Amino acid sequence: MGAVAGLLLVAGVWGSWGTAYQVMLTKGREQGTVAVTRCGEDTCAGPYTPVSAGSTARARVVLEKSVAVRTGRTYPVVLKPGGVEAVRSGPAGILFAWVPLGGALLLASVVVAGGLGRIRFGWVLAGSGMALLTAAFVTL
């Protein structure tokens, strides 16, 4: 059961890190804002306005569509290498990137409390997961 809980937590970190490192380690990356003009089924797009030195304006960049992205609003972003795809930055972007870890913490809490009998540690994991998911919900 300990291996299952560990695997769940590693999978949560793995699922989050793909986006989180781009938002958290922004040194040398292009930073700016995207004014969302249209949204499709999975993505939203709009013109990019640079904020960081060395960044260039673009007529269109793509941002992953989520419940928090709306047409007509402007969002701070970091461009992925290649310059076409953007990831939300700032506190909202960081918390949104770590949402998979929050889900993994909740799942691991059930395994730890039920399978290993470590009820207090299970509550700590569940509380951490709920805190992360709630913070992401509130900031988005």
Protein backbone atom coordinates (compact mmCIF):
# COMPACT_ATOMS: atom_id res chain seq x y z
CA MET A 1 0.00 0.00 0.00
CA GLY A 2 2.92 2.32 0.65
CA ALA A 3 4.15 1.76 -2.88
CA VAL A 4 0.69 2.56 -4.27
CA ALA A 5 0.51 5.78 -2.25
CA GLY A 6 4.02 6.71 -3.38
CA LEU A 7 3.14 5.96 -6.98
CA LEU A 8 0.05 8.20 -6.74
CA LEU A 9 2.12 11.07 -5.38
CA VAL A 10 4.85 10.64 -8.00
CA ALA A 11 2.19 10.59 -10.73
CA GLY A 12 0.69 13.80 -9.31
CA VAL A 13 4.04 15.56 -9.35
CA TRP A 14 4.79 14.21 -12.83
CA GLY A 15 1.43 15.42 -14.15
CA SER A 16 1.90 18.86 -12.62
CA TRP A 17 5.57 19.43 -13.42
CA GLY A 18 5.04 19.61 -17.20
CA THR A 19 3.37 22.99 -16.77
CA ALA A 20 4.59 24.04 -13.35
CA TYR A 21 8.26 24.35 -14.27
CA GLN A 22 7.42 26.76 -17.08
CA VAL A 23 5.39 28.97 -14.75
CA MET A 24 7.74 28.78 -11.76
CA LEU A 25 11.11 28.93 -13.55
CA THR A 26 10.52 31.94 -15.78
CA LYS A 27 14.08 33.22 -16.06
CA GLY A 28 14.92 33.54 -19.76
CA ARG A 29 11.34 32.91 -20.89
CA GLU A 30 9.12 35.34 -22.72
CA GLN A 31 6.52 36.86 -20.40
CA GLY A 32 3.55 39.00 -21.31
CA THR A 33 -0.23 39.13 -21.53
CA VAL A 34 -2.80 37.57 -23.83
CA ALA A 35 -6.07 39.31 -24.60
CA VAL A 36 -8.37 36.38 -25.38
CA THR A 37 -10.40 37.12 -28.51
CA ARG A 38 -11.85 33.70 -29.31
CA CYS A 39 -12.16 30.27 -27.76
CA GLY A 40 -12.56 26.92 -29.43
CA GLU A 41 -13.38 23.59 -27.86
CA ASP A 42 -9.96 23.02 -26.23
CA THR A 43 -8.01 26.25 -26.67
CA CYS A 44 -8.38 30.00 -26.60
CA ALA A 45 -6.35 32.44 -28.67
CA GLY A 46 -5.54 36.11 -28.83
CA PRO A 47 -2.80 38.67 -29.42
CA TYR A 48 0.27 38.58 -27.21
CA THR A 49 1.70 41.75 -25.68
CA PRO A 50 5.24 41.36 -24.26
CA VAL A 51 6.23 42.48 -20.78
CA SER A 52 9.74 41.01 -20.44
CA ALA A 53 12.80 42.36 -22.19
CA GLY A 54 13.62 40.59 -25.43
CA SER A 55 10.08 39.36 -25.99
CA THR A 56 8.29 40.23 -29.21
CA ALA A 57 4.61 40.88 -29.82
CA ARG A 58 2.65 38.21 -31.64
CA ALA A 59 -0.67 38.45 -33.45
CA ARG A 60 -1.87 35.12 -32.05
CA VAL A 61 -0.85 32.75 -29.27
CA VAL A 62 -2.78 29.76 -27.97
CA LEU A 63 -3.82 29.31 -24.34
CA GLU A 64 -5.33 26.12 -22.92
CA LYS A 65 -9.04 26.58 -22.36
CA SER A 66 -10.29 26.09 -18.83
CA VAL A 67 -13.32 27.22 -16.88
CA ALA A 68 -11.35 30.28 -15.77
CA VAL A 69 -10.46 31.58 -19.28
CA ARG A 70 -13.07 33.84 -20.83
CA THR A 71 -13.26 35.74 -24.10
CA GLY A 72 -12.57 39.44 -23.73
CA ARG A 73 -10.28 39.14 -20.68
CA THR A 74 -6.53 39.59 -20.45
CA TYR A 75 -4.27 37.06 -18.68
CA PRO A 76 -0.59 37.13 -17.70
CA VAL A 77 1.24 34.33 -19.49
CA VAL A 78 4.63 32.74 -20.09
CA LEU A 79 5.33 31.45 -23.59
CA LYS A 80 6.49 27.89 -24.06
CA PRO A 81 9.64 27.45 -26.15
CA GLY A 82 8.68 27.95 -29.77
CA GLY A 83 6.51 30.95 -28.99
CA VAL A 84 3.02 29.79 -30.06
CA GLU A 85 1.65 28.18 -26.90
CA ALA A 86 1.21 30.11 -23.65
CA VAL A 87 0.74 29.07 -20.03
CA ARG A 88 -0.92 31.25 -17.40
CA SER A 89 1.54 32.79 -14.97
CA GLY A 90 1.34 34.45 -11.59
CA PRO A 91 -0.27 32.93 -8.50
CA ALA A 92 -3.25 31.62 -10.46
CA GLY A 93 -1.02 29.93 -13.01
CA ILE A 94 1.17 28.33 -10.37
CA LEU A 95 -1.76 26.95 -8.40
CA PHE A 96 -3.53 25.77 -11.57
CA ALA A 97 -0.38 23.93 -12.64
CA TRP A 98 -0.29 22.01 -9.36
CA VAL A 99 -3.95 20.89 -9.46
CA PRO A 100 -3.02 17.32 -10.55
CA LEU A 101 -0.89 17.03 -7.40
CA GLY A 102 -3.88 18.13 -5.31
CA GLY A 103 -5.95 15.32 -6.76
CA ALA A 104 -3.13 12.84 -6.17
CA LEU A 105 -2.89 13.96 -2.54
CA LEU A 106 -6.59 13.26 -2.06
CA LEU A 107 -6.30 9.81 -3.63
CA ALA A 108 -3.18 8.96 -1.65
CA SER A 109 -4.89 10.02 1.58
CA VAL A 110 -7.49 7.28 1.12
CA VAL A 111 -4.78 4.68 0.49
CA VAL A 112 -2.69 5.84 3.46
CA ALA A 113 -5.62 6.02 5.90
CA GLY A 114 -7.43 2.90 4.74
CA GLY A 115 -4.67 0.67 3.47
CA LEU A 116 -1.84 1.56 5.81
CA GLY A 117 -3.91 2.48 8.85
CA ARG A 118 -2.13 5.83 9.21
CA ILE A 119 -5.26 7.86 9.80
CA ARG A 120 -3.61 11.08 10.98
CA PHE A 121 -1.18 11.13 8.08
CA GLY A 122 -4.11 10.41 5.75
CA TRP A 123 -5.91 13.46 7.13
CA VAL A 124 -2.78 15.56 6.60
CA LEU A 125 -2.59 14.45 2.96
CA ALA A 126 -6.32 15.06 2.45
CA GLY A 127 -6.10 18.50 4.06
CA SER A 128 -3.12 19.42 1.90
CA GLY A 129 -4.91 18.29 -1.26
CA MET A 130 -8.08 20.17 -0.35
CA ALA A 131 -6.10 23.31 0.52
CA LEU A 132 -4.31 23.20 -2.83
CA LEU A 133 -7.49 22.61 -4.83
CA THR A 134 -9.42 25.27 -2.90
CA ALA A 135 -6.64 27.83 -3.36
CA ALA A 136 -6.54 27.11 -7.09
CA PHE A 137 -10.32 27.46 -7.32
CA VAL A 138 -10.35 30.75 -5.43
CA THR A 139 -7.50 32.35 -7.42
CA LEU A 140 -8.86 31.32 -10.81
